[in-house]
Amino acid sequence: MELKCDDVVPGLGCDFVAKGSTAEEVHGAMMMHGGTVHANLMDGKSPQEMMQAKTEMDAHISQLIAANN
């Protein structure tokens, strides 16, 4: 299974591809990548905004994995 970063955030211009044997592995790889490489997208956000964004991103990634694999 795999998921492209640019599919998660269209137009970001990132060529990273998360890969794994299971949806959980792909999801974990994508979240780790986003947290390190794209951490600047959360700059200036409150803790509540960060939790909301993480929740929304988790759901979005899960939907994309299900649709693409």
PDB file of N, CA and C in Angstrom:
ATOM      1  N   MET A   1       0.848  -1.173   0.000  1.00  0.00           N
ATOM      2  CA  MET A   1       0.000   0.000   0.000  1.00  0.00           C
ATOM      3  C   MET A   1       0.890   1.232   0.000  1.00  0.00           C
ATOM      4  N   GLU A   2       0.389   2.302  -0.607  1.00  0.00           N
ATOM      5  CA  GLU A   2       1.157   3.545  -0.616  1.00  0.00           C
ATOM      6  C   GLU A   2       0.223   4.741  -0.754  1.00  0.00           C
ATOM      7  N   LEU A   3       0.735   5.886  -0.323  1.00  0.00           N
ATOM      8  CA  LEU A   3      -0.009   7.139  -0.402  1.00  0.00           C
ATOM      9  C   LEU A   3       0.987   8.278  -0.607  1.00  0.00           C
ATOM     10  N   LYS A   4       0.726   9.113  -1.595  1.00  0.00           N
ATOM     11  CA  LYS A   4       1.590  10.251  -1.894  1.00  0.00           C
ATOM     12  C   LYS A   4       1.231  11.438  -0.997  1.00  0.00           C
ATOM     13  N   CYS A   5       2.243  12.122  -0.525  1.00  0.00           N
ATOM     14  CA  CYS A   5       2.031  13.310   0.309  1.00  0.00           C
ATOM     15  C   CYS A   5       1.206  14.347  -0.446  1.00  0.00           C
ATOM     16  N   ASP A   6       1.499  14.515  -1.728  1.00  0.00           N
ATOM     17  CA  ASP A   6       0.796  15.528  -2.505  1.00  0.00           C
ATOM     18  C   ASP A   6      -0.686  15.176  -2.701  1.00  0.00           C
ATOM     19  N   ASP A   7      -1.046  13.906  -2.494  1.00  0.00           N
ATOM     20  CA  ASP A   7      -2.464  13.541  -2.511  1.00  0.00           C
ATOM     21  C   ASP A   7      -3.151  13.963  -1.218  1.00  0.00           C
ATOM     22  N   VAL A   8      -2.387  13.982  -0.132  1.00  0.00           N
ATOM     23  CA  VAL A   8      -2.937  14.381   1.165  1.00  0.00           C
ATOM     24  C   VAL A   8      -3.156  15.888   1.201  1.00  0.00           C
ATOM     25  N   VAL A   9      -2.169  16.633   0.723  1.00  0.00           N
ATOM     26  CA  VAL A   9      -2.258  18.101   0.662  1.00  0.00           C
ATOM     27  C   VAL A   9      -1.934  18.509  -0.779  1.00  0.00           C
ATOM     28  N   PRO A  10      -2.955  18.503  -1.646  1.00  0.00           N
ATOM     29  CA  PRO A  10      -2.720  18.842  -3.055  1.00  0.00           C
ATOM     30  C   PRO A  10      -2.062  20.212  -3.218  1.00  0.00           C
ATOM     31  N   GLY A  11      -1.097  20.249  -4.125  1.00  0.00           N
ATOM     32  CA  GLY A  11      -0.413  21.500  -4.402  1.00  0.00           C
ATOM     33  C   GLY A  11       0.771  21.780  -3.507  1.00  0.00           C
ATOM     34  N   LEU A  12       1.006  20.915  -2.526  1.00  0.00           N
ATOM     35  CA  LEU A  12       2.127  21.116  -1.610  1.00  0.00           C
ATOM     36  C   LEU A  12       3.455  20.952  -2.342  1.00  0.00           C
ATOM     37  N   GLY A  13       3.461  20.129  -3.391  1.00  0.00           N
ATOM     38  CA  GLY A  13       4.684  19.937  -4.166  1.00  0.00           C
ATOM     39  C   GLY A  13       5.672  18.991  -3.523  1.00  0.00           C
ATOM     40  N   CYS A  14       5.189  18.112  -2.668  1.00  0.00           N
ATOM     41  CA  CYS A  14       6.062  17.164  -1.979  1.00  0.00           C
ATOM     42  C   CYS A  14       5.974  15.814  -2.685  1.00  0.00           C
ATOM     43  N   ASP A  15       7.126  15.198  -2.959  1.00  0.00           N
ATOM     44  CA  ASP A  15       7.128  13.930  -3.681  1.00  0.00           C
ATOM     45  C   ASP A  15       7.271  12.708  -2.773  1.00  0.00           C
ATOM     46  N   PHE A  16       7.140  12.892  -1.460  1.00  0.00           N
ATOM     47  CA  PHE A  16       7.224  11.770  -0.523  1.00  0.00           C
ATOM     48  C   PHE A  16       6.072  10.794  -0.763  1.00  0.00           C
ATOM     49  N   VAL A  17       6.377   9.494  -0.658  1.00  0.00           N
ATOM     50  CA  VAL A  17       5.362   8.444  -0.765  1.00  0.00           C
ATOM     51  C   VAL A  17       5.494   7.546   0.462  1.00  0.00           C
ATOM     52  N   ALA A  18       4.425   7.494   1.263  1.00  0.00           N
ATOM     53  CA  ALA A  18       4.396   6.594   2.411  1.00  0.00           C
ATOM     54  C   ALA A  18       4.021   5.208   1.915  1.00  0.00           C
ATOM     55  N   LYS A  19       4.772   4.195   2.352  1.00  0.00           N
ATOM     56  CA  LYS A  19       4.524   2.822   1.919  1.00  0.00           C
ATOM     57  C   LYS A  19       4.453   1.909   3.125  1.00  0.00           C
ATOM     58  N   GLY A  20       3.681   0.848   2.979  1.00  0.00           N
ATOM     59  CA  GLY A  20       3.591  -0.141   4.040  1.00  0.00           C
ATOM     60  C   GLY A  20       2.759  -1.324   3.609  1.00  0.00           C
ATOM     61  N   SER A  21       2.807  -2.355   4.428  1.00  0.00           N
ATOM     62  CA  SER A  21       2.047  -3.570   4.151  1.00  0.00           C
ATOM     63  C   SER A  21       0.588  -3.443   4.579  1.00  0.00           C
ATOM     64  N   THR A  22       0.336  -2.525   5.511  1.00  0.00           N
ATOM     65  CA  THR A  22      -1.021  -2.328   6.030  1.00  0.00           C
ATOM     66  C   THR A  22      -1.375  -0.842   6.000  1.00  0.00           C
ATOM     67  N   ALA A  23      -2.663  -0.570   6.102  1.00  0.00           N
ATOM     68  CA  ALA A  23      -3.114   0.820   6.160  1.00  0.00           C
ATOM     69  C   ALA A  23      -2.512   1.525   7.371  1.00  0.00           C
ATOM     70  N   GLU A  24      -2.365   0.802   8.470  1.00  0.00           N
ATOM     71  CA  GLU A  24      -1.797   1.396   9.684  1.00  0.00           C
ATOM     72  C   GLU A  24      -0.351   1.820   9.472  1.00  0.00           C
ATOM     73  N   GLU A  25       0.418   0.988   8.754  1.00  0.00           N
ATOM     74  CA  GLU A  25       1.814   1.340   8.472  1.00  0.00           C
ATOM     75  C   GLU A  25       1.902   2.569   7.575  1.00  0.00           C
ATOM     76  N   VAL A  26       1.070   2.618   6.555  1.00  0.00           N
ATOM     77  CA  VAL A  26       1.067   3.764   5.635  1.00  0.00           C
ATOM     78  C   VAL A  26       0.654   5.022   6.391  1.00  0.00           C
ATOM     79  N   HIS A  27      -0.385   4.914   7.191  1.00  0.00           N
ATOM     80  CA  HIS A  27      -0.871   6.050   7.972  1.00  0.00           C
ATOM     81  C   HIS A  27       0.219   6.552   8.910  1.00  0.00           C
ATOM     82  N   GLY A  28       0.874   5.642   9.621  1.00  0.00           N
ATOM     83  CA  GLY A  28       1.941   6.029  10.543  1.00  0.00           C
ATOM     84  C   GLY A  28       3.102   6.713   9.843  1.00  0.00           C
ATOM     85  N   ALA A  29       3.482   6.175   8.683  1.00  0.00           N
ATOM     86  CA  ALA A  29       4.587   6.773   7.920  1.00  0.00           C
ATOM     87  C   ALA A  29       4.225   8.175   7.446  1.00  0.00           C
ATOM     88  N   MET A  30       2.979   8.347   7.015  1.00  0.00           N
ATOM     89  CA  MET A  30       2.556   9.670   6.536  1.00  0.00           C
ATOM     90  C   MET A  30       2.502  10.675   7.684  1.00  0.00           C
ATOM     91  N   MET A  31       1.992  10.262   8.828  1.00  0.00           N
ATOM     92  CA  MET A  31       1.924  11.173   9.973  1.00  0.00           C
ATOM     93  C   MET A  31       3.327  11.540  10.464  1.00  0.00           C
ATOM     94  N   MET A  32       4.249  10.572  10.466  1.00  0.00           N
ATOM     95  CA  MET A  32       5.622  10.862  10.881  1.00  0.00           C
ATOM     96  C   MET A  32       6.267  11.846   9.906  1.00  0.00           C
ATOM     97  N   HIS A  33       6.084  11.606   8.625  1.00  0.00           N
ATOM     98  CA  HIS A  33       6.629  12.503   7.596  1.00  0.00           C
ATOM     99  C   HIS A  33       6.077  13.917   7.766  1.00  0.00           C
ATOM    100  N   GLY A  34       4.774  14.015   7.894  1.00  0.00           N
ATOM    101  CA  GLY A  34       4.154  15.339   8.038  1.00  0.00           C
ATOM    102  C   GLY A  34       4.624  16.074   9.277  1.00  0.00           C
ATOM    103  N   GLY A  35       4.775  15.328  10.365  1.00  0.00           N
ATOM    104  CA  GLY A  35       5.202  15.950  11.620  1.00  0.00           C
ATOM    105  C   GLY A  35       6.628  16.454  11.606  1.00  0.00           C
ATOM    106  N   THR A  36       7.471  15.855  10.769  1.00  0.00           N
ATOM    107  CA  THR A  36       8.866  16.302  10.716  1.00  0.00           C
ATOM    108  C   THR A  36       9.119  17.257   9.562  1.00  0.00           C
ATOM    109  N   VAL A  37       8.662  16.896   8.371  1.00  0.00           N
ATOM    110  CA  VAL A  37       8.974  17.695   7.180  1.00  0.00           C
ATOM    111  C   VAL A  37       8.054  18.906   7.031  1.00  0.00           C
ATOM    112  N   HIS A  38       6.807  18.769   7.439  1.00  0.00           N
ATOM    113  CA  HIS A  38       5.841  19.846   7.238  1.00  0.00           C
ATOM    114  C   HIS A  38       5.337  20.451   8.555  1.00  0.00           C
ATOM    115  N   ALA A  39       6.139  20.339   9.597  1.00  0.00           N
ATOM    116  CA  ALA A  39       5.755  20.860  10.907  1.00  0.00           C
ATOM    117  C   ALA A  39       5.473  22.361  10.854  1.00  0.00           C
ATOM    118  N   ASN A  40       6.102  23.052   9.909  1.00  0.00           N
ATOM    119  CA  ASN A  40       5.903  24.499   9.784  1.00  0.00           C
ATOM    120  C   ASN A  40       4.457  24.859   9.443  1.00  0.00           C
ATOM    121  N   LEU A  41       3.697  23.902   8.908  1.00  0.00           N
ATOM    122  CA  LEU A  41       2.297  24.184   8.589  1.00  0.00           C
ATOM    123  C   LEU A  41       1.471  24.426   9.848  1.00  0.00           C
ATOM    124  N   MET A  42       2.006  24.023  10.995  1.00  0.00           N
ATOM    125  CA  MET A  42       1.296  24.194  12.260  1.00  0.00           C
ATOM    126  C   MET A  42       1.817  25.373  13.075  1.00  0.00           C
ATOM    127  N   ASP A  43       2.803  26.094  12.537  1.00  0.00           N
ATOM    128  CA  ASP A  43       3.356  27.247  13.247  1.00  0.00           C
ATOM    129  C   ASP A  43       2.255  28.237  13.606  1.00  0.00           C
ATOM    130  N   GLY A  44       2.276  28.697  14.853  1.00  0.00           N
ATOM    131  CA  GLY A  44       1.343  29.712  15.302  1.00  0.00           C
ATOM    132  C   GLY A  44      -0.023  29.184  15.693  1.00  0.00           C
ATOM    133  N   LYS A  45      -0.219  27.882  15.641  1.00  0.00           N
ATOM    134  CA  LYS A  45      -1.513  27.298  15.988  1.00  0.00           C
ATOM    135  C   LYS A  45      -1.583  27.045  17.491  1.00  0.00           C
ATOM    136  N   SER A  46      -2.771  27.203  18.051  1.00  0.00           N
ATOM    137  CA  SER A  46      -2.977  26.894  19.464  1.00  0.00           C
ATOM    138  C   SER A  46      -3.001  25.379  19.639  1.00  0.00           C
ATOM    139  N   PRO A  47      -2.829  24.889  20.866  1.00  0.00           N
ATOM    140  CA  PRO A  47      -2.917  23.440  21.088  1.00  0.00           C
ATOM    141  C   PRO A  47      -4.254  22.854  20.612  1.00  0.00           C
ATOM    142  N   GLN A  48      -5.331  23.602  20.794  1.00  0.00           N
ATOM    143  CA  GLN A  48      -6.640  23.130  20.348  1.00  0.00           C
ATOM    144  C   GLN A  48      -6.698  23.052  18.824  1.00  0.00           C
ATOM    145  N   GLU A  49      -6.157  24.052  18.146  1.00  0.00           N
ATOM    146  CA  GLU A  49      -6.123  24.046  16.684  1.00  0.00           C
ATOM    147  C   GLU A  49      -5.257  22.898  16.167  1.00  0.00           C
ATOM    148  N   MET A  50      -4.152  22.620  16.855  1.00  0.00           N
ATOM    149  CA  MET A  50      -3.272  21.531  16.443  1.00  0.00           C
ATOM    150  C   MET A  50      -3.970  20.182  16.592  1.00  0.00           C
ATOM    151  N   MET A  51      -4.695  19.981  17.686  1.00  0.00           N
ATOM    152  CA  MET A  51      -5.421  18.725  17.881  1.00  0.00           C
ATOM    153  C   MET A  51      -6.517  18.557  16.833  1.00  0.00           C
ATOM    154  N   GLN A  52      -7.224  19.634  16.535  1.00  0.00           N
ATOM    155  CA  GLN A  52      -8.280  19.583  15.519  1.00  0.00           C
ATOM    156  C   GLN A  52      -7.692  19.261  14.145  1.00  0.00           C
ATOM    157  N   ALA A  53      -6.589  19.910  13.813  1.00  0.00           N
ATOM    158  CA  ALA A  53      -5.942  19.664  12.530  1.00  0.00           C
ATOM    159  C   ALA A  53      -5.453  18.220  12.439  1.00  0.00           C
ATOM    160  N   LYS A  54      -4.881  17.689  13.534  1.00  0.00           N
ATOM    161  CA  LYS A  54      -4.419  16.302  13.536  1.00  0.00           C
ATOM    162  C   LYS A  54      -5.588  15.343  13.354  1.00  0.00           C
ATOM    163  N   THR A  55      -6.679  15.591  14.035  1.00  0.00           N
ATOM    164  CA  THR A  55      -7.864  14.745  13.905  1.00  0.00           C
ATOM    165  C   THR A  55      -8.373  14.745  12.466  1.00  0.00           C
ATOM    166  N   GLU A  56      -8.460  15.927  11.877  1.00  0.00           N
ATOM    167  CA  GLU A  56      -8.926  16.037  10.494  1.00  0.00           C
ATOM    168  C   GLU A  56      -7.959  15.359   9.520  1.00  0.00           C
ATOM    169  N   MET A  57      -6.652  15.527   9.739  1.00  0.00           N
ATOM    170  CA  MET A  57      -5.659  14.918   8.861  1.00  0.00           C
ATOM    171  C   MET A  57      -5.693  13.395   8.994  1.00  0.00           C
ATOM    172  N   ASP A  58      -5.829  12.896  10.230  1.00  0.00           N
ATOM    173  CA  ASP A  58      -5.941  11.447  10.432  1.00  0.00           C
ATOM    174  C   ASP A  58      -7.099  10.885   9.618  1.00  0.00           C
ATOM    175  N   ALA A  59      -8.248  11.524   9.695  1.00  0.00           N
ATOM    176  CA  ALA A  59      -9.438  11.054   8.976  1.00  0.00           C
ATOM    177  C   ALA A  59      -9.218  11.128   7.463  1.00  0.00           C
ATOM    178  N   HIS A  60      -8.628  12.222   7.010  1.00  0.00           N
ATOM    179  CA  HIS A  60      -8.378  12.415   5.581  1.00  0.00           C
ATOM    180  C   HIS A  60      -7.422  11.347   5.047  1.00  0.00           C
ATOM    181  N   ILE A  61      -6.353  11.087   5.765  1.00  0.00           N
ATOM    182  CA  ILE A  61      -5.379  10.078   5.350  1.00  0.00           C
ATOM    183  C   ILE A  61      -6.048   8.702   5.307  1.00  0.00           C
ATOM    184  N   SER A  62      -6.834   8.380   6.320  1.00  0.00           N
ATOM    185  CA  SER A  62      -7.520   7.090   6.342  1.00  0.00           C
ATOM    186  C   SER A  62      -8.444   6.923   5.153  1.00  0.00           C
ATOM    187  N   GLN A  63      -9.162   7.976   4.791  1.00  0.00           N
ATOM    188  CA  GLN A  63     -10.062   7.927   3.628  1.00  0.00           C
ATOM    189  C   GLN A  63      -9.269   7.734   2.333  1.00  0.00           C
ATOM    190  N   LEU A  64      -8.162   8.445   2.188  1.00  0.00           N
ATOM    191  CA  LEU A  64      -7.356   8.316   0.969  1.00  0.00           C
ATOM    192  C   LEU A  64      -6.759   6.918   0.842  1.00  0.00           C
ATOM    193  N   ILE A  65      -6.293   6.351   1.945  1.00  0.00           N
ATOM    194  CA  ILE A  65      -5.729   5.004   1.910  1.00  0.00           C
ATOM    195  C   ILE A  65      -6.816   4.020   1.469  1.00  0.00           C
ATOM    196  N   ALA A  66      -7.989   4.131   2.050  1.00  0.00           N
ATOM    197  CA  ALA A  66      -9.085   3.222   1.707  1.00  0.00           C
ATOM    198  C   ALA A  66      -9.482   3.354   0.230  1.00  0.00           C
ATOM    199  N   ALA A  67      -9.488   4.565  -0.268  1.00  0.00           N
ATOM    200  CA  ALA A  67      -9.911   4.806  -1.654  1.00  0.00           C
ATOM    201  C   ALA A  67      -8.858   4.394  -2.674  1.00  0.00           C
ATOM    202  N   ASN A  68      -7.596   4.465  -2.311  1.00  0.00           N
ATOM    203  CA  ASN A  68      -6.513   4.232  -3.264  1.00  0.00           C
ATOM    204  C   ASN A  68      -5.904   2.839  -3.209  1.00  0.00           C
ATOM    205  N   ASN A  69      -6.298   2.032  -2.257  1.00  0.00           N
ATOM    206  CA  ASN A  69      -5.655   0.711  -2.130  1.00  0.00           C
ATOM    207  C   ASN A  69      -6.658  -0.394  -2.011  1.00  0.00           C
TER     208      ASN A  69
END
